[in-house]
Every structure is written in C-alpha cells, then in structure tokens.
C-alpha cells in the first residue's frame, strides 16, 4: 500500500512540475527569438598574460620551495648528535 501511494505521489509531482519546466523552456526560446544577431562577432584575446609572479604555477612552486626551506631550517636547528648506547 505504501509503495502504491509513493508511486502515485511521484507521478503526481512529475505531472505538476512538467508544465512549469515547459513554460521555462518556452520563455527562454521567446527571449532567444527576440534578440536579433548583429552579424559582427567581437573577439578580444589578451596575449599579455600579466606578470610571471602572478601565474598560479609559479605561486605553487614558491609555496613548495618555502615549505622545503622551512623544513631544512627546522631540521638544521634541532642539530645535535645522536648517542647510541651499547
């Protein structure tokens, strides 16, 4: 009995949602039909690329190098000798 009610509920929701989505698609098609193409296509390609240090690749390399440098400094500061007793 619960299964039948659940199936009817799903079909009922699908029946109420379908007209709303069809109206949304119709509205999009209407807006697209209203806009007339101008015949000109403007393409602006910026080949400058900005500064090299603003590149995410170099930022990542810098972060990895900084972490490695900090690890080396920490390892060197701990120093000392290891005494192994027999």
C-alpha atoms as a PDB file:
ATOM      1  CA  UNK A   1       0.000   0.000   0.000  1.00  0.00           C
ATOM      2  CA  UNK A   2       2.826   2.414   0.862  1.00  0.00           C
ATOM      3  CA  UNK A   3       4.541   1.633  -2.428  1.00  0.00           C
ATOM      4  CA  UNK A   4       1.403   2.462  -4.422  1.00  0.00           C
ATOM      5  CA  UNK A   5       0.988   5.768  -2.575  1.00  0.00           C
ATOM      6  CA  UNK A   6       4.665   6.631  -3.150  1.00  0.00           C
ATOM      7  CA  UNK A   7       4.385   5.854  -6.878  1.00  0.00           C
ATOM      8  CA  UNK A   8       1.238   7.963  -7.192  1.00  0.00           C
ATOM      9  CA  UNK A   9       2.945  10.796  -5.326  1.00  0.00           C
ATOM     10  CA  UNK A  10       5.954  10.681  -7.665  1.00  0.00           C
ATOM     11  CA  UNK A  11       3.757  10.687 -10.774  1.00  0.00           C
ATOM     12  CA  UNK A  12       1.643  13.495  -9.328  1.00  0.00           C
ATOM     13  CA  UNK A  13       4.719  15.624  -8.654  1.00  0.00           C
ATOM     14  CA  UNK A  14       6.070  14.875 -12.128  1.00  0.00           C
ATOM     15  CA  UNK A  15       2.770  15.968 -13.665  1.00  0.00           C
ATOM     16  CA  UNK A  16       2.800  19.276 -11.777  1.00  0.00           C
ATOM     17  CA  UNK A  17       6.480  20.029 -12.426  1.00  0.00           C
ATOM     18  CA  UNK A  18       6.446  19.244 -16.162  1.00  0.00           C
ATOM     19  CA  UNK A  19       4.232  22.199 -17.232  1.00  0.00           C
ATOM     20  CA  UNK A  20       6.377  24.607 -15.224  1.00  0.00           C
ATOM     21  CA  UNK A  21       9.564  23.441 -16.918  1.00  0.00           C
ATOM     22  CA  UNK A  22       7.890  23.610 -20.309  1.00  0.00           C
ATOM     23  CA  UNK A  23       6.948  27.226 -19.604  1.00  0.00           C
ATOM     24  CA  UNK A  24      10.533  27.989 -18.611  1.00  0.00           C
ATOM     25  CA  UNK A  25      11.850  26.498 -21.864  1.00  0.00           C
ATOM     26  CA  UNK A  26       9.236  28.413 -23.841  1.00  0.00           C
ATOM     27  CA  UNK A  27      10.248  31.672 -22.136  1.00  0.00           C
ATOM     28  CA  UNK A  28      13.916  31.038 -22.971  1.00  0.00           C
ATOM     29  CA  UNK A  29      13.039  30.329 -26.587  1.00  0.00           C
ATOM     30  CA  UNK A  30      10.980  33.532 -26.764  1.00  0.00           C
ATOM     31  CA  UNK A  31      13.849  35.642 -25.391  1.00  0.00           C
ATOM     32  CA  UNK A  32      16.308  33.997 -27.801  1.00  0.00           C
ATOM     33  CA  UNK A  33      13.969  34.657 -30.733  1.00  0.00           C
ATOM     34  CA  UNK A  34      13.612  38.336 -29.779  1.00  0.00           C
ATOM     35  CA  UNK A  35      17.350  39.000 -29.848  1.00  0.00           C
ATOM     36  CA  UNK A  36      18.461  39.680 -33.379  1.00  0.00           C
ATOM     37  CA  UNK A  37      22.031  38.788 -34.353  1.00  0.00           C
ATOM     38  CA  UNK A  38      24.139  41.785 -35.379  1.00  0.00           C
ATOM     39  CA  UNK A  39      26.351  39.885 -37.799  1.00  0.00           C
ATOM     40  CA  UNK A  40      29.549  41.020 -36.068  1.00  0.00           C
ATOM     41  CA  UNK A  41      31.453  38.872 -33.633  1.00  0.00           C
ATOM     42  CA  UNK A  42      33.926  40.645 -31.375  1.00  0.00           C
ATOM     43  CA  UNK A  43      36.790  38.543 -30.053  1.00  0.00           C
ATOM     44  CA  UNK A  44      39.291  40.137 -27.679  1.00  0.00           C
ATOM     45  CA  UNK A  45      42.293  37.951 -26.886  1.00  0.00           C
ATOM     46  CA  UNK A  46      44.732  39.293 -24.303  1.00  0.00           C
ATOM     47  CA  UNK A  47      48.160  37.828 -25.040  1.00  0.00           C
ATOM     48  CA  UNK A  48      49.976  39.907 -22.425  1.00  0.00           C
ATOM     49  CA  UNK A  49      49.385  37.323 -19.698  1.00  0.00           C
ATOM     50  CA  UNK A  50      50.341  39.638 -16.846  1.00  0.00           C
ATOM     51  CA  UNK A  51      53.317  39.328 -14.540  1.00  0.00           C
ATOM     52  CA  UNK A  52      55.135  35.996 -14.271  1.00  0.00           C
ATOM     53  CA  UNK A  53      54.894  36.006 -10.488  1.00  0.00           C
ATOM     54  CA  UNK A  54      51.077  36.191 -10.654  1.00  0.00           C
ATOM     55  CA  UNK A  55      50.963  32.871 -12.521  1.00  0.00           C
ATOM     56  CA  UNK A  56      49.419  30.144 -10.291  1.00  0.00           C
ATOM     57  CA  UNK A  57      52.120  27.679 -11.347  1.00  0.00           C
ATOM     58  CA  UNK A  58      54.902  29.909 -10.026  1.00  0.00           C
ATOM     59  CA  UNK A  59      52.934  30.622  -6.858  1.00  0.00           C
ATOM     60  CA  UNK A  60      52.653  26.863  -6.256  1.00  0.00           C
ATOM     61  CA  UNK A  61      56.370  26.336  -6.908  1.00  0.00           C
ATOM     62  CA  UNK A  62      57.158  29.173  -4.494  1.00  0.00           C
ATOM     63  CA  UNK A  63      54.961  27.665  -1.772  1.00  0.00           C
ATOM     64  CA  UNK A  64      56.607  24.244  -2.152  1.00  0.00           C
ATOM     65  CA  UNK A  65      60.085  25.839  -2.062  1.00  0.00           C
ATOM     66  CA  UNK A  66      59.167  27.839   1.039  1.00  0.00           C
ATOM     67  CA  UNK A  67      57.908  24.724   2.832  1.00  0.00           C
ATOM     68  CA  UNK A  68      61.100  22.857   1.883  1.00  0.00           C
ATOM     69  CA  UNK A  69      63.246  25.748   3.146  1.00  0.00           C
ATOM     70  CA  UNK A  70      61.360  25.851   6.445  1.00  0.00           C
ATOM     71  CA  UNK A  71      61.775  22.073   6.825  1.00  0.00           C
ATOM     72  CA  UNK A  72      65.537  22.361   6.205  1.00  0.00           C
ATOM     73  CA  UNK A  73      65.847  25.185   8.749  1.00  0.00           C
ATOM     74  CA  UNK A  74      63.907  23.197  11.365  1.00  0.00           C
ATOM     75  CA  UNK A  75      65.999  20.076  10.728  1.00  0.00           C
ATOM     76  CA  UNK A  76      69.247  22.063  10.983  1.00  0.00           C
ATOM     77  CA  UNK A  77      68.206  23.864  14.159  1.00  0.00           C
ATOM     78  CA  UNK A  78      67.465  20.625  16.001  1.00  0.00           C
ATOM     79  CA  UNK A  79      71.046  19.607  15.332  1.00  0.00           C
ATOM     80  CA  UNK A  80      72.999  17.701  17.952  1.00  0.00           C
ATOM     81  CA  UNK A  81      74.436  14.281  17.793  1.00  0.00           C
ATOM     82  CA  UNK A  82      72.728  11.008  18.356  1.00  0.00           C
ATOM     83  CA  UNK A  83      74.358   8.894  21.051  1.00  0.00           C
ATOM     84  CA  UNK A  84      73.689   5.205  20.753  1.00  0.00           C
ATOM     85  CA  UNK A  85      74.450   3.279  23.937  1.00  0.00           C
ATOM     86  CA  UNK A  86      75.562  -0.273  23.618  1.00  0.00           C
END
